[in-house]
Amino acid sequence: MDVSSVDLNLLRVFDAIIRHGTLTAAGESVGLTQPGVSNALTRLRTLFDDNLFVRTPSGMQPTDFARAIAVPIRDALELLNGSLRLQRKFDPTQAIRTFHVCTSDIGSLTFLPGLLAHVRALSPGIKLKVGQYTLREAREMLTSGELDLAIGHLPDLTVGIYQRVLFDDHYVCIVSAKHPRVQASLSLTAFIAEYHALASSPGTGHALLVKHLSNTISGLHIGLEMRDFAALPAIVAKTDLIATVPSRLAGHFQEIFKLQVFPVPVILPRFSIAQLWHERSHRDPCSIWLRGVFVDLFGSPSGTAYTPPLLLGFPEGSRVPGTASDLTTSAAGHNASIVGPLV
């Protein structure tokens, strides 16, 4: 086969079908309609003289030949993309681009309002796609280039990954303002005696919270365990449960649901919220811009999109135990403190 007869856009479609498994999802990733992808697949079958994909109940399954050429084609596309990135600059005011970001339910609440306002004002042609994925999915999507950035408490996302810590956070306890037994303060005795609502948040470092509390306090009464944190404040506000949550979630919902917020009366580890990206996009101007936006907006506990709440139980003006020192970083210096890749 003469390489001059190969349309590179067809190879992009082939790689997209391999990665996504359906024509619809493949089309969305490359900006084509499903009929457009079907037409490209017909041309690919003629080009390679192979069926390439077989439709099954679980999606489009590649033939043996398609599997054999999938990795070389992806490597060639990545090499070409990398070469082109070195020659281009990124102008956010003119860019037409979708950035795909992985973050948790808490991350969506914390980051998206300020991020969307910033992007709409500066870069009207940029769209954000945000999802929650398992650790395995996030790693694979970062590696393939389908995901641009992961944001959160993700200590197990390491190999081939760069990271930059945005801020530190800590856990607090929330209880209903109408709690029948807990008012004004939360003692260790009450913490042990009451029933708890906890989030395990699989795929993040928060998954260890339930285990840590259970190991710290023998016989801890767990009345409710959930996957995510975001629903806990609404549930706690209407029950007598205690929930241990990150301070930013408590601050977001404290006034909305009339919650009491207290220090956790047992020692819990602090944790860091970081942005993480694959080494393949480390020098990509688009990725560098996006990472710089996150640093500028959220690179310290007092970032422009987040104001620390006045937590009940902490005197006004005092330094809340477990919070980070000032981590403010200028846009010009945001790359200087990058740590990675972690191996």
Protein backbone atom coordinates (compact mmCIF):
# COMPACT_ATOMS: atom_id res chain seq x y z
CA MET A 1 0.00 0.00 0.00
CA ASP A 2 1.30 3.46 -0.93
CA VAL A 3 1.13 5.81 2.08
CA SER A 4 0.26 8.69 -0.25
CA SER A 5 -3.12 7.04 -0.85
CA VAL A 6 -3.98 7.05 2.87
CA ASP A 7 -6.23 9.79 4.24
CA LEU A 8 -5.03 10.56 7.78
CA ASN A 9 -8.58 11.43 8.82
CA LEU A 10 -9.55 7.83 8.08
CA LEU A 11 -6.85 6.62 10.46
CA ARG A 12 -8.21 8.97 13.14
CA VAL A 13 -11.64 7.39 12.69
CA PHE A 14 -10.14 3.90 12.87
CA ASP A 15 -8.36 4.76 16.14
CA ALA A 16 -11.54 6.32 17.55
CA ILE A 17 -13.60 3.17 16.84
CA ILE A 18 -10.89 1.05 18.47
CA ARG A 19 -10.94 3.25 21.59
CA HIS A 20 -14.69 3.78 21.95
CA GLY A 21 -16.24 0.62 20.51
CA THR A 22 -19.26 2.35 18.94
CA LEU A 23 -19.67 4.48 15.84
CA THR A 24 -21.62 7.15 17.74
CA ALA A 25 -18.98 7.63 20.45
CA ALA A 26 -16.18 7.49 17.88
CA GLY A 27 -17.90 10.18 15.85
CA GLU A 28 -18.28 12.46 18.87
CA SER A 29 -14.57 12.18 19.62
CA VAL A 30 -13.51 13.20 16.09
CA GLY A 31 -16.34 15.59 15.27
CA LEU A 32 -18.28 13.42 12.80
CA THR A 33 -21.89 12.27 12.64
CA GLN A 34 -22.64 8.54 12.77
CA PRO A 35 -23.29 8.44 8.97
CA GLY A 36 -19.93 10.18 8.50
CA VAL A 37 -18.20 7.52 10.59
CA SER A 38 -20.01 4.75 8.68
CA ASN A 39 -18.82 6.24 5.40
CA ALA A 40 -15.25 6.45 6.71
CA LEU A 41 -15.43 2.83 7.88
CA THR A 42 -16.55 1.73 4.39
CA ARG A 43 -13.55 3.50 2.89
CA LEU A 44 -11.24 1.95 5.50
CA ARG A 45 -12.52 -1.55 4.68
CA THR A 46 -11.79 -0.94 1.02
CA LEU A 47 -8.37 0.51 1.81
CA PHE A 48 -7.26 -2.42 3.98
CA ASP A 49 -9.29 -5.13 2.22
CA ASP A 50 -10.57 -6.32 5.59
CA ASN A 51 -13.87 -6.03 7.46
CA LEU A 52 -11.94 -4.42 10.38
CA PHE A 53 -14.91 -4.38 12.80
CA VAL A 54 -17.79 -6.74 13.49
CA ARG A 55 -21.00 -5.45 15.06
CA THR A 56 -21.88 -7.33 18.28
CA PRO A 57 -24.30 -6.69 21.19
CA SER A 58 -21.37 -5.23 23.16
CA GLY A 59 -20.24 -2.88 20.38
CA MET A 60 -17.94 -2.93 17.37
CA GLN A 61 -15.35 -5.65 17.91
CA PRO A 62 -12.10 -5.42 15.91
CA THR A 63 -10.99 -8.27 13.67
CA ASP A 64 -7.60 -9.90 14.20
CA PHE A 65 -6.16 -7.73 11.44
CA ALA A 66 -7.57 -4.56 13.01
CA ARG A 67 -6.02 -5.52 16.35
CA ALA A 68 -2.66 -6.07 14.66
CA ILE A 69 -2.57 -2.61 13.09
CA ALA A 70 -4.23 -0.70 15.96
CA VAL A 71 -1.10 0.02 18.02
CA PRO A 72 1.12 1.03 15.06
CA ILE A 73 -1.59 3.39 13.80
CA ARG A 74 -2.05 4.97 17.23
CA ASP A 75 1.70 5.37 17.68
CA ALA A 76 1.97 7.01 14.26
CA LEU A 77 -0.88 9.42 15.02
CA GLU A 78 0.64 10.35 18.39
CA LEU A 79 4.02 10.93 16.80
CA LEU A 80 2.48 13.19 14.18
CA ASN A 81 0.37 15.08 16.73
CA GLY A 82 3.40 15.58 18.95
CA SER A 83 5.41 16.99 16.05
CA LEU A 84 2.63 19.40 15.12
CA ARG A 85 2.19 20.59 18.72
CA LEU A 86 5.78 21.75 18.76
CA GLN A 87 5.04 24.10 15.87
CA ARG A 88 1.82 25.68 17.05
CA LYS A 89 0.81 28.21 19.66
CA PHE A 90 -2.45 28.17 21.55
CA ASP A 91 -4.64 31.27 21.46
CA PRO A 92 -7.54 30.70 23.88
CA THR A 93 -9.47 33.69 22.53
CA GLN A 94 -9.66 32.10 19.06
CA ALA A 95 -9.55 28.39 19.89
CA ILE A 96 -12.39 26.00 19.06
CA ARG A 97 -11.67 23.12 21.39
CA THR A 98 -13.30 20.69 23.85
CA PHE A 99 -11.34 19.94 27.00
CA HIS A 100 -12.20 16.68 28.76
CA VAL A 101 -11.65 16.80 32.53
CA CYS A 102 -12.10 14.09 35.16
CA THR A 103 -13.12 15.24 38.61
CA SER A 104 -15.30 14.09 41.48
CA ASP A 105 -18.70 15.34 42.61
CA ILE A 106 -16.93 17.66 45.06
CA GLY A 107 -14.60 18.85 42.31
CA SER A 108 -17.54 19.72 40.08
CA LEU A 109 -19.10 21.82 42.84
CA THR A 110 -15.82 23.49 43.76
CA PHE A 111 -14.30 24.15 40.35
CA LEU A 112 -16.94 24.36 37.64
CA PRO A 113 -18.74 27.64 38.52
CA GLY A 114 -15.52 29.69 38.56
CA LEU A 115 -13.95 27.75 35.70
CA LEU A 116 -16.96 28.19 33.43
CA ALA A 117 -17.19 31.92 34.17
CA HIS A 118 -13.50 32.33 33.34
CA VAL A 119 -13.65 30.30 30.13
CA ARG A 120 -16.83 31.98 28.87
CA ALA A 121 -15.32 35.44 29.40
CA LEU A 122 -11.95 34.69 27.80
CA SER A 123 -12.50 31.74 25.46
CA PRO A 124 -16.05 31.52 24.07
CA GLY A 125 -15.05 28.80 21.59
CA ILE A 126 -13.90 26.39 24.30
CA LYS A 127 -16.26 23.72 25.65
CA LEU A 128 -15.77 21.64 28.78
CA LYS A 129 -16.66 17.97 29.11
CA VAL A 130 -16.55 16.73 32.70
CA GLY A 131 -16.92 13.17 33.94
CA GLN A 132 -16.28 10.90 36.89
CA TYR A 133 -14.26 7.78 36.11
CA THR A 134 -12.68 4.90 37.96
CA LEU A 135 -8.94 5.00 38.55
CA ARG A 136 -8.38 2.45 35.77
CA GLU A 137 -10.55 4.40 33.34
CA ALA A 138 -8.85 7.71 34.17
CA ARG A 139 -5.40 6.20 33.67
CA GLU A 140 -6.34 4.64 30.33
CA MET A 141 -8.06 7.81 29.10
CA LEU A 142 -5.11 10.02 30.06
CA THR A 143 -2.76 7.63 28.31
CA SER A 144 -4.84 7.52 25.12
CA GLY A 145 -5.31 11.28 25.06
CA GLU A 146 -9.08 11.04 25.43
CA LEU A 147 -8.80 12.81 28.81
CA ASP A 148 -6.90 16.08 29.13
CA LEU A 149 -6.72 16.49 32.89
CA ALA A 150 -7.71 14.78 36.14
CA ILE A 151 -8.40 16.88 39.23
CA GLY A 152 -8.76 15.59 42.78
CA HIS A 153 -7.31 13.53 45.58
CA LEU A 154 -5.81 10.75 43.43
CA PRO A 155 -2.67 9.40 45.15
CA ASP A 156 -2.78 6.10 43.22
CA LEU A 157 -2.70 7.76 39.79
CA THR A 158 1.06 7.75 39.29
CA VAL A 159 2.93 5.90 36.52
CA GLY A 160 3.70 8.19 33.58
CA ILE A 161 1.70 10.98 35.22
CA TYR A 162 2.74 14.52 36.11
CA GLN A 163 1.06 16.32 38.97
CA ARG A 164 0.84 19.78 40.46
CA VAL A 165 -0.73 20.26 43.91
CA LEU A 166 -3.38 22.97 43.89
CA PHE A 167 -4.20 23.13 47.60
CA ASP A 168 -4.41 21.10 50.78
CA ASP A 169 -7.67 20.25 52.47
CA HIS A 170 -8.85 18.54 55.64
CA TYR A 171 -11.92 16.75 56.95
CA VAL A 172 -14.61 18.27 59.16
CA CYS A 173 -17.83 16.94 60.67
CA ILE A 174 -21.26 18.18 59.68
CA VAL A 175 -24.48 17.69 61.64
CA SER A 176 -27.95 19.14 61.33
CA ALA A 177 -28.60 22.51 62.98
CA LYS A 178 -31.60 20.77 64.60
CA HIS A 179 -29.64 17.74 65.84
CA PRO A 180 -31.34 16.58 69.07
CA ARG A 181 -28.11 15.81 70.93
CA VAL A 182 -25.24 17.70 69.25
CA GLN A 183 -25.29 21.48 69.69
CA ALA A 184 -22.51 24.08 69.94
CA SER A 185 -19.70 21.50 70.04
CA LEU A 186 -18.91 17.91 69.06
CA SER A 187 -17.14 15.89 71.72
CA LEU A 188 -15.31 12.63 71.17
CA THR A 189 -17.96 10.91 73.30
CA ALA A 190 -20.76 12.17 71.05
CA PHE A 191 -18.75 11.35 67.92
CA ILE A 192 -18.46 7.74 69.07
CA ALA A 193 -22.05 7.44 70.28
CA GLU A 194 -23.83 8.84 67.22
CA TYR A 195 -24.51 7.13 63.90
CA HIS A 196 -22.42 8.21 60.91
CA ALA A 197 -22.93 8.76 57.20
CA LEU A 198 -19.73 8.18 55.23
CA ALA A 199 -18.67 8.29 51.59
CA SER A 200 -16.21 5.69 50.31
CA SER A 201 -15.56 7.55 46.99
CA PRO A 202 -13.84 4.65 45.14
CA GLY A 203 -11.01 5.61 42.82
CA THR A 204 -9.86 8.46 45.05
CA GLY A 205 -7.81 8.73 48.23
CA HIS A 206 -11.07 9.37 50.09
CA ALA A 207 -11.82 5.64 49.77
CA LEU A 208 -9.57 5.14 52.81
CA LEU A 209 -11.69 7.39 55.04
CA VAL A 210 -14.16 4.69 56.08
CA LYS A 211 -11.33 2.26 56.81
CA HIS A 212 -9.35 4.85 58.75
CA LEU A 213 -12.27 5.85 60.97
CA SER A 214 -13.27 2.23 61.56
CA ASN A 215 -9.71 1.36 62.55
CA THR A 216 -9.41 4.43 64.77
CA ILE A 217 -12.67 3.91 66.66
CA SER A 218 -13.68 0.38 67.53
CA GLY A 219 -17.38 -0.19 67.00
CA LEU A 220 -18.03 3.01 65.06
CA HIS A 221 -21.74 3.16 64.25
CA ILE A 222 -22.09 3.55 60.46
CA GLY A 223 -25.71 4.11 59.55
CA LEU A 224 -25.16 5.01 55.90
CA GLU A 225 -22.33 4.48 53.44
CA MET A 226 -22.45 6.08 49.99
CA ARG A 227 -20.25 6.20 46.93
CA ASP A 228 -20.08 10.00 46.66
CA PHE A 229 -20.04 12.97 49.02
CA ALA A 230 -22.33 15.48 47.33
CA ALA A 231 -25.64 14.11 48.64
CA LEU A 232 -24.47 13.80 52.26
CA PRO A 233 -25.16 17.41 53.36
CA ALA A 234 -28.82 17.22 52.29
CA ILE A 235 -29.23 13.87 54.07
CA VAL A 236 -27.47 15.03 57.24
CA ALA A 237 -29.62 18.19 57.38
CA LYS A 238 -32.78 16.08 57.74
CA THR A 239 -31.45 13.30 60.00
CA ASP A 240 -29.45 12.87 63.18
CA LEU A 241 -26.46 11.41 61.33
CA ILE A 242 -22.93 12.81 61.53
CA ALA A 243 -20.92 12.99 58.30
CA THR A 244 -17.16 13.44 57.94
CA VAL A 245 -16.49 15.35 54.73
CA PRO A 246 -13.85 17.59 53.11
CA SER A 247 -14.05 21.17 54.40
CA ARG A 248 -14.83 22.62 50.98
CA LEU A 249 -17.96 20.51 50.68
CA ALA A 250 -19.04 21.60 54.17
CA GLY A 251 -18.39 25.23 53.32
CA HIS A 252 -20.39 24.98 50.09
CA PHE A 253 -23.52 23.62 51.80
CA GLN A 254 -23.26 25.05 55.31
CA GLU A 255 -25.70 27.91 54.80
CA ILE A 256 -27.86 26.20 52.19
CA PHE A 257 -28.84 23.36 54.54
CA LYS A 258 -28.26 25.11 57.90
CA LEU A 259 -25.55 22.71 58.99
CA GLN A 260 -23.31 22.81 62.01
CA VAL A 261 -19.64 22.29 61.14
CA PHE A 262 -17.16 21.01 63.72
CA PRO A 263 -13.55 19.84 63.88
CA VAL A 264 -13.22 16.06 63.72
CA PRO A 265 -12.50 14.97 67.32
CA VAL A 266 -10.04 12.30 66.15
CA ILE A 267 -6.84 12.71 64.17
CA LEU A 268 -7.31 12.25 60.45
CA PRO A 269 -4.67 12.74 57.73
CA ARG A 270 -4.79 15.90 55.65
CA PHE A 271 -4.90 15.46 51.91
CA SER A 272 -3.94 17.34 48.77
CA ILE A 273 -6.00 18.22 45.72
CA ALA A 274 -3.89 18.11 42.57
CA GLN A 275 -4.18 18.35 38.82
CA LEU A 276 -2.71 15.38 36.97
CA TRP A 277 -1.87 14.89 33.30
CA HIS A 278 -0.08 12.34 31.16
CA GLU A 279 3.50 12.89 30.05
CA ARG A 280 2.32 12.78 26.41
CA SER A 281 0.61 16.19 26.91
CA HIS A 282 3.23 17.74 29.17
CA ARG A 283 4.51 20.14 26.46
CA ASP A 284 1.22 20.55 24.62
CA PRO A 285 0.39 24.31 24.49
CA CYS A 286 -3.32 23.57 24.90
CA SER A 287 -2.72 21.48 28.01
CA ILE A 288 -0.27 24.03 29.41
CA TRP A 289 -2.92 26.74 29.07
CA LEU A 290 -5.60 24.65 30.78
CA ARG A 291 -3.29 23.75 33.65
CA GLY A 292 -2.36 27.40 34.06
CA VAL A 293 -6.04 28.34 34.35
CA PHE A 294 -6.51 25.83 37.18
CA VAL A 295 -3.42 27.15 38.98
CA ASP A 296 -4.55 30.77 38.63
CA LEU A 297 -8.10 30.08 39.80
CA PHE A 298 -7.56 27.39 42.42
CA GLY A 299 -3.86 27.37 43.29
CA SER A 300 -4.38 28.28 46.93
CA PRO A 301 -7.03 27.94 49.66
CA SER A 302 -8.10 31.51 48.82
CA GLY A 303 -8.29 31.04 45.05
CA THR A 304 -10.63 33.36 43.21
CA ALA A 305 -13.28 30.64 42.76
CA TYR A 306 -13.30 29.63 46.43
CA THR A 307 -13.69 31.60 49.64
CA PRO A 308 -13.01 29.61 52.84
CA PRO A 309 -16.19 29.42 54.91
CA LEU A 310 -16.47 30.65 58.46
CA LEU A 311 -16.73 27.21 60.01
CA LEU A 312 -18.69 27.04 63.25
CA GLY A 313 -16.47 25.73 65.98
CA PHE A 314 -13.43 27.68 64.76
CA PRO A 315 -12.97 31.24 66.10
CA GLU A 316 -13.09 33.93 63.41
CA GLY A 317 -9.61 34.82 62.18
CA SER A 318 -8.01 31.65 63.54
CA ARG A 319 -6.08 29.19 61.39
CA VAL A 320 -8.19 26.10 60.94
CA PRO A 321 -6.18 22.99 61.94
CA GLY A 322 -5.22 20.91 58.94
CA THR A 323 -5.40 23.62 56.29
CA ALA A 324 -2.54 24.45 54.00
CA SER A 325 -0.24 27.42 54.19
CA ASP A 326 -0.49 29.94 51.35
CA LEU A 327 0.19 28.17 48.04
CA THR A 328 -0.54 31.08 45.71
CA THR A 329 1.40 30.78 42.47
CA SER A 330 1.59 33.30 39.63
CA ALA A 331 0.69 32.36 36.10
CA ALA A 332 4.29 32.87 35.04
CA GLY A 333 5.57 30.43 37.61
CA HIS A 334 2.95 27.71 37.55
CA ASN A 335 5.25 25.21 35.81
CA ALA A 336 8.11 25.71 38.24
CA SER A 337 6.59 23.66 41.02
CA ILE A 338 5.43 20.71 38.95
CA VAL A 339 6.40 17.36 40.41
CA GLY A 340 6.58 14.42 38.02
CA PRO A 341 6.42 12.16 36.33
CA LEU A 342 5.76 10.02 39.39
CA VAL A 343 6.94 6.41 39.12
